[in-house]
């Protein structure tokens, strides 16, 4: 029992200290939120808000979003600043980014890093289309393109076999009925 009490007495302060260190200070929150606000108001250049320790290629790639001088960027925090470590943080944001050729409106997460006591954006990945959205768009397009020819083919087979009626005509549009309709058209 004595060992357990000693262990608790030793670990409890460590746990409390770790929890306190994981919370951003009010100054950290204010600086990060001010950076988002300054980017939205265009009072800071995107290059000045980006992590200065990024390599030249990474910086160039991150700043390609701002290759046009005419853009509208609105970053609205929708959650709390969360520290990932002593020098990194994330903030969930609503992003609205408009240029001549592109428009993005999405929920995302902005990543920040602290360099020499100042907070910077780690990247501008929150301005890209989410990969899930790209996959869903491609898959739904392929399914849509494949759906139409199957409906037409099934309709033609049923017309030729003389089995096209009101019920089968309605079932043509529901894929679960296709195997039975194909069998009936033989």
C-alpha atoms as a PDB file:
ATOM      1  CA  UNK A   1       0.000   0.000   0.000  1.00  0.00           C
ATOM      2  CA  UNK A   2       2.865   2.297   0.811  1.00  0.00           C
ATOM      3  CA  UNK A   3       4.387   1.722  -2.651  1.00  0.00           C
ATOM      4  CA  UNK A   4       1.105   2.580  -4.353  1.00  0.00           C
ATOM      5  CA  UNK A   5       0.763   5.819  -2.363  1.00  0.00           C
ATOM      6  CA  UNK A   6       4.357   6.769  -3.170  1.00  0.00           C
ATOM      7  CA  UNK A   7       3.816   6.016  -6.840  1.00  0.00           C
ATOM      8  CA  UNK A   8       0.642   8.129  -6.933  1.00  0.00           C
ATOM      9  CA  UNK A   9       2.373  10.969  -5.113  1.00  0.00           C
ATOM     10  CA  UNK A  10       5.169  10.863  -7.688  1.00  0.00           C
ATOM     11  CA  UNK A  11       3.055  10.457 -10.865  1.00  0.00           C
ATOM     12  CA  UNK A  12       0.206  12.847 -10.043  1.00  0.00           C
ATOM     13  CA  UNK A  13       2.315  16.046 -10.250  1.00  0.00           C
ATOM     14  CA  UNK A  14       3.841  14.786 -13.508  1.00  0.00           C
ATOM     15  CA  UNK A  15       0.392  14.176 -14.978  1.00  0.00           C
ATOM     16  CA  UNK A  16      -0.818  17.634 -13.894  1.00  0.00           C
ATOM     17  CA  UNK A  17       2.302  19.279 -15.339  1.00  0.00           C
ATOM     18  CA  UNK A  18       1.906  17.444 -18.652  1.00  0.00           C
ATOM     19  CA  UNK A  19      -1.743  18.534 -18.867  1.00  0.00           C
ATOM     20  CA  UNK A  20      -0.884  22.151 -18.140  1.00  0.00           C
ATOM     21  CA  UNK A  21       1.915  22.173 -20.718  1.00  0.00           C
ATOM     22  CA  UNK A  22      -0.476  20.846 -23.389  1.00  0.00           C
ATOM     23  CA  UNK A  23      -2.783  23.863 -22.996  1.00  0.00           C
ATOM     24  CA  UNK A  24      -1.939  26.883 -25.139  1.00  0.00           C
ATOM     25  CA  UNK A  25      -1.409  30.081 -23.207  1.00  0.00           C
ATOM     26  CA  UNK A  26      -3.751  33.009 -23.863  1.00  0.00           C
ATOM     27  CA  UNK A  27      -0.856  34.743 -25.655  1.00  0.00           C
ATOM     28  CA  UNK A  28      -0.385  31.730 -27.955  1.00  0.00           C
ATOM     29  CA  UNK A  29      -4.101  31.631 -28.750  1.00  0.00           C
ATOM     30  CA  UNK A  30      -4.185  35.372 -29.404  1.00  0.00           C
ATOM     31  CA  UNK A  31      -1.144  35.260 -31.693  1.00  0.00           C
ATOM     32  CA  UNK A  32      -2.478  32.305 -33.712  1.00  0.00           C
ATOM     33  CA  UNK A  33      -5.970  33.775 -34.066  1.00  0.00           C
ATOM     34  CA  UNK A  34      -4.469  37.185 -34.953  1.00  0.00           C
ATOM     35  CA  UNK A  35      -2.432  35.513 -37.699  1.00  0.00           C
ATOM     36  CA  UNK A  36      -5.605  33.990 -39.170  1.00  0.00           C
ATOM     37  CA  UNK A  37      -7.344  37.352 -38.984  1.00  0.00           C
ATOM     38  CA  UNK A  38      -4.401  39.178 -40.587  1.00  0.00           C
ATOM     39  CA  UNK A  39      -4.337  36.687 -43.475  1.00  0.00           C
ATOM     40  CA  UNK A  40      -8.065  37.141 -44.018  1.00  0.00           C
ATOM     41  CA  UNK A  41      -7.713  40.932 -43.965  1.00  0.00           C
ATOM     42  CA  UNK A  42      -4.629  40.815 -46.257  1.00  0.00           C
ATOM     43  CA  UNK A  43      -2.671  42.846 -43.707  1.00  0.00           C
ATOM     44  CA  UNK A  44       0.094  40.247 -43.835  1.00  0.00           C
ATOM     45  CA  UNK A  45       1.591  38.654 -46.927  1.00  0.00           C
ATOM     46  CA  UNK A  46       1.092  34.905 -47.255  1.00  0.00           C
ATOM     47  CA  UNK A  47       4.877  34.470 -47.541  1.00  0.00           C
ATOM     48  CA  UNK A  48       5.414  36.292 -44.232  1.00  0.00           C
ATOM     49  CA  UNK A  49       2.891  34.077 -42.445  1.00  0.00           C
ATOM     50  CA  UNK A  50       4.511  30.850 -43.677  1.00  0.00           C
ATOM     51  CA  UNK A  51       7.067  28.873 -41.658  1.00  0.00           C
ATOM     52  CA  UNK A  52      10.469  30.474 -42.438  1.00  0.00           C
ATOM     53  CA  UNK A  53      12.297  27.184 -41.894  1.00  0.00           C
ATOM     54  CA  UNK A  54      10.593  25.491 -44.875  1.00  0.00           C
ATOM     55  CA  UNK A  55      12.866  24.541 -47.734  1.00  0.00           C
ATOM     56  CA  UNK A  56      12.804  26.634 -50.886  1.00  0.00           C
ATOM     57  CA  UNK A  57      10.846  24.026 -52.870  1.00  0.00           C
ATOM     58  CA  UNK A  58       8.266  23.549 -50.098  1.00  0.00           C
ATOM     59  CA  UNK A  59       7.794  27.327 -49.742  1.00  0.00           C
ATOM     60  CA  UNK A  60       7.389  27.755 -53.475  1.00  0.00           C
ATOM     61  CA  UNK A  61       4.832  24.951 -53.624  1.00  0.00           C
ATOM     62  CA  UNK A  62       2.879  26.306 -50.629  1.00  0.00           C
ATOM     63  CA  UNK A  63       2.748  29.814 -52.101  1.00  0.00           C
ATOM     64  CA  UNK A  64       1.438  28.652 -55.511  1.00  0.00           C
ATOM     65  CA  UNK A  65      -2.078  29.152 -54.121  1.00  0.00           C
ATOM     66  CA  UNK A  66      -1.320  32.872 -54.104  1.00  0.00           C
ATOM     67  CA  UNK A  67       0.278  33.095 -57.561  1.00  0.00           C
ATOM     68  CA  UNK A  68      -2.488  35.491 -58.571  1.00  0.00           C
ATOM     69  CA  UNK A  69      -2.616  38.832 -56.811  1.00  0.00           C
ATOM     70  CA  UNK A  70      -6.392  38.882 -56.826  1.00  0.00           C
ATOM     71  CA  UNK A  71      -7.736  36.500 -54.238  1.00  0.00           C
ATOM     72  CA  UNK A  72     -10.195  36.460 -51.391  1.00  0.00           C
ATOM     73  CA  UNK A  73      -9.296  34.481 -48.294  1.00  0.00           C
ATOM     74  CA  UNK A  74     -11.534  34.144 -45.283  1.00  0.00           C
ATOM     75  CA  UNK A  75     -10.431  31.949 -42.382  1.00  0.00           C
ATOM     76  CA  UNK A  76     -12.957  31.578 -39.561  1.00  0.00           C
ATOM     77  CA  UNK A  77     -11.864  29.551 -36.522  1.00  0.00           C
ATOM     78  CA  UNK A  78     -14.587  27.060 -35.570  1.00  0.00           C
ATOM     79  CA  UNK A  79     -12.874  25.480 -32.588  1.00  0.00           C
ATOM     80  CA  UNK A  80     -10.198  25.901 -29.994  1.00  0.00           C
ATOM     81  CA  UNK A  81      -6.470  26.151 -30.579  1.00  0.00           C
ATOM     82  CA  UNK A  82      -5.016  22.726 -29.782  1.00  0.00           C
ATOM     83  CA  UNK A  83      -1.318  22.187 -29.139  1.00  0.00           C
ATOM     84  CA  UNK A  84       0.183  19.114 -30.815  1.00  0.00           C
ATOM     85  CA  UNK A  85       3.474  19.664 -29.041  1.00  0.00           C
ATOM     86  CA  UNK A  86       5.404  22.519 -27.478  1.00  0.00           C
ATOM     87  CA  UNK A  87       5.939  24.233 -30.842  1.00  0.00           C
ATOM     88  CA  UNK A  88       3.025  23.069 -32.989  1.00  0.00           C
ATOM     89  CA  UNK A  89      -0.691  23.721 -32.921  1.00  0.00           C
ATOM     90  CA  UNK A  90      -3.848  23.193 -34.962  1.00  0.00           C
ATOM     91  CA  UNK A  91      -7.047  25.162 -35.315  1.00  0.00           C
ATOM     92  CA  UNK A  92     -10.201  23.915 -37.058  1.00  0.00           C
ATOM     93  CA  UNK A  93     -11.287  26.584 -39.554  1.00  0.00           C
ATOM     94  CA  UNK A  94     -13.930  27.328 -42.152  1.00  0.00           C
ATOM     95  CA  UNK A  95     -12.023  28.236 -45.296  1.00  0.00           C
ATOM     96  CA  UNK A  96     -13.331  30.360 -48.132  1.00  0.00           C
ATOM     97  CA  UNK A  97     -10.732  30.937 -50.839  1.00  0.00           C
ATOM     98  CA  UNK A  98     -11.584  32.496 -54.189  1.00  0.00           C
ATOM     99  CA  UNK A  99      -9.363  33.298 -57.174  1.00  0.00           C
ATOM    100  CA  UNK A 100     -10.128  33.696 -60.882  1.00  0.00           C
ATOM    101  CA  UNK A 101      -9.739  29.956 -61.504  1.00  0.00           C
ATOM    102  CA  UNK A 102     -10.682  28.356 -58.219  1.00  0.00           C
ATOM    103  CA  UNK A 103     -13.139  28.524 -55.383  1.00  0.00           C
ATOM    104  CA  UNK A 104     -12.946  26.505 -52.196  1.00  0.00           C
ATOM    105  CA  UNK A 105     -15.351  26.568 -49.310  1.00  0.00           C
ATOM    106  CA  UNK A 106     -14.678  23.868 -46.751  1.00  0.00           C
ATOM    107  CA  UNK A 107     -13.951  22.960 -43.164  1.00  0.00           C
ATOM    108  CA  UNK A 108     -10.324  22.167 -42.587  1.00  0.00           C
ATOM    109  CA  UNK A 109      -7.540  22.379 -40.052  1.00  0.00           C
ATOM    110  CA  UNK A 110      -4.784  25.012 -40.115  1.00  0.00           C
ATOM    111  CA  UNK A 111      -1.423  23.845 -38.747  1.00  0.00           C
ATOM    112  CA  UNK A 112       0.961  26.198 -36.984  1.00  0.00           C
ATOM    113  CA  UNK A 113       4.583  26.020 -35.824  1.00  0.00           C
ATOM    114  CA  UNK A 114       6.499  28.231 -33.418  1.00  0.00           C
ATOM    115  CA  UNK A 115       9.880  29.480 -34.624  1.00  0.00           C
ATOM    116  CA  UNK A 116      12.015  31.766 -32.439  1.00  0.00           C
ATOM    117  CA  UNK A 117       9.036  32.532 -30.216  1.00  0.00           C
ATOM    118  CA  UNK A 118       6.654  33.460 -33.078  1.00  0.00           C
ATOM    119  CA  UNK A 119       3.824  31.425 -34.566  1.00  0.00           C
ATOM    120  CA  UNK A 120       3.695  30.759 -38.326  1.00  0.00           C
ATOM    121  CA  UNK A 121       1.508  28.658 -40.578  1.00  0.00           C
ATOM    122  CA  UNK A 122       3.164  25.290 -41.159  1.00  0.00           C
ATOM    123  CA  UNK A 123       1.682  25.096 -44.681  1.00  0.00           C
ATOM    124  CA  UNK A 124      -1.289  26.115 -46.784  1.00  0.00           C
ATOM    125  CA  UNK A 125      -2.646  22.584 -47.197  1.00  0.00           C
ATOM    126  CA  UNK A 126      -6.019  23.726 -45.886  1.00  0.00           C
ATOM    127  CA  UNK A 127      -6.493  25.539 -49.221  1.00  0.00           C
ATOM    128  CA  UNK A 128      -6.357  22.354 -51.268  1.00  0.00           C
ATOM    129  CA  UNK A 129      -9.322  20.187 -52.114  1.00  0.00           C
ATOM    130  CA  UNK A 130      -9.755  17.413 -49.554  1.00  0.00           C
ATOM    131  CA  UNK A 131      -8.643  14.049 -51.035  1.00  0.00           C
ATOM    132  CA  UNK A 132     -11.936  12.448 -49.964  1.00  0.00           C
ATOM    133  CA  UNK A 133     -13.858  14.984 -52.038  1.00  0.00           C
ATOM    134  CA  UNK A 134     -11.704  14.254 -55.079  1.00  0.00           C
ATOM    135  CA  UNK A 135     -12.243  10.486 -54.733  1.00  0.00           C
ATOM    136  CA  UNK A 136     -16.005  10.878 -54.213  1.00  0.00           C
ATOM    137  CA  UNK A 137     -16.249  13.116 -57.288  1.00  0.00           C
ATOM    138  CA  UNK A 138     -14.344  10.663 -59.478  1.00  0.00           C
ATOM    139  CA  UNK A 139     -16.232   7.601 -58.230  1.00  0.00           C
ATOM    140  CA  UNK A 140     -19.640   9.237 -58.583  1.00  0.00           C
ATOM    141  CA  UNK A 141     -18.773  10.382 -62.122  1.00  0.00           C
ATOM    142  CA  UNK A 142     -17.702   6.877 -63.130  1.00  0.00           C
ATOM    143  CA  UNK A 143     -20.830   5.345 -61.595  1.00  0.00           C
ATOM    144  CA  UNK A 144     -23.016   7.904 -63.361  1.00  0.00           C
ATOM    145  CA  UNK A 145     -21.340   7.293 -66.711  1.00  0.00           C
ATOM    146  CA  UNK A 146     -21.645   3.504 -66.309  1.00  0.00           C
ATOM    147  CA  UNK A 147     -25.268   3.670 -65.093  1.00  0.00           C
ATOM    148  CA  UNK A 148     -26.734   5.310 -68.221  1.00  0.00           C
ATOM    149  CA  UNK A 149     -25.544   2.728 -70.789  1.00  0.00           C
ATOM    150  CA  UNK A 150     -26.768  -0.158 -68.626  1.00  0.00           C
ATOM    151  CA  UNK A 151     -30.245   1.419 -68.372  1.00  0.00           C
ATOM    152  CA  UNK A 152     -30.358   1.962 -72.161  1.00  0.00           C
ATOM    153  CA  UNK A 153     -29.108  -1.574 -72.869  1.00  0.00           C
ATOM    154  CA  UNK A 154     -31.657  -3.104 -70.493  1.00  0.00           C
ATOM    155  CA  UNK A 155     -34.473  -0.994 -71.937  1.00  0.00           C
ATOM    156  CA  UNK A 156     -33.592  -2.109 -75.500  1.00  0.00           C
ATOM    157  CA  UNK A 157     -33.450  -5.792 -74.464  1.00  0.00           C
ATOM    158  CA  UNK A 158     -36.835  -5.586 -72.753  1.00  0.00           C
ATOM    159  CA  UNK A 159     -38.427  -3.797 -75.736  1.00  0.00           C
ATOM    160  CA  UNK A 160     -37.082  -6.410 -78.186  1.00  0.00           C
ATOM    161  CA  UNK A 161     -38.287  -9.295 -76.050  1.00  0.00           C
ATOM    162  CA  UNK A 162     -41.691  -7.670 -75.552  1.00  0.00           C
ATOM    163  CA  UNK A 163     -41.366  -7.747 -71.754  1.00  0.00           C
ATOM    164  CA  UNK A 164     -41.280  -3.980 -71.150  1.00  0.00           C
ATOM    165  CA  UNK A 165     -44.232  -3.073 -68.972  1.00  0.00           C
ATOM    166  CA  UNK A 166     -44.964  -0.465 -66.333  1.00  0.00           C
ATOM    167  CA  UNK A 167     -43.386  -2.489 -63.523  1.00  0.00           C
ATOM    168  CA  UNK A 168     -40.304  -3.508 -65.482  1.00  0.00           C
ATOM    169  CA  UNK A 169     -40.007   0.048 -66.859  1.00  0.00           C
ATOM    170  CA  UNK A 170     -39.826   1.413 -63.331  1.00  0.00           C
ATOM    171  CA  UNK A 171     -37.407  -1.306 -62.203  1.00  0.00           C
ATOM    172  CA  UNK A 172     -34.934  -0.442 -65.001  1.00  0.00           C
ATOM    173  CA  UNK A 173     -33.703   2.519 -62.939  1.00  0.00           C
ATOM    174  CA  UNK A 174     -33.012   0.479 -59.795  1.00  0.00           C
ATOM    175  CA  UNK A 175     -29.773  -1.541 -60.072  1.00  0.00           C
ATOM    176  CA  UNK A 176     -30.857  -4.230 -57.593  1.00  0.00           C
ATOM    177  CA  UNK A 177     -33.507  -5.387 -60.115  1.00  0.00           C
ATOM    178  CA  UNK A 178     -31.124  -5.523 -63.092  1.00  0.00           C
ATOM    179  CA  UNK A 179     -30.124  -9.236 -62.836  1.00  0.00           C
ATOM    180  CA  UNK A 180     -33.775 -10.327 -62.803  1.00  0.00           C
ATOM    181  CA  UNK A 181     -34.657  -8.008 -65.694  1.00  0.00           C
ATOM    182  CA  UNK A 182     -31.724  -9.278 -67.765  1.00  0.00           C
ATOM    183  CA  UNK A 183     -32.910 -12.872 -67.159  1.00  0.00           C
ATOM    184  CA  UNK A 184     -36.481 -11.921 -68.125  1.00  0.00           C
ATOM    185  CA  UNK A 185     -35.309 -10.299 -71.378  1.00  0.00           C
ATOM    186  CA  UNK A 186     -33.634 -13.525 -72.604  1.00  0.00           C
END
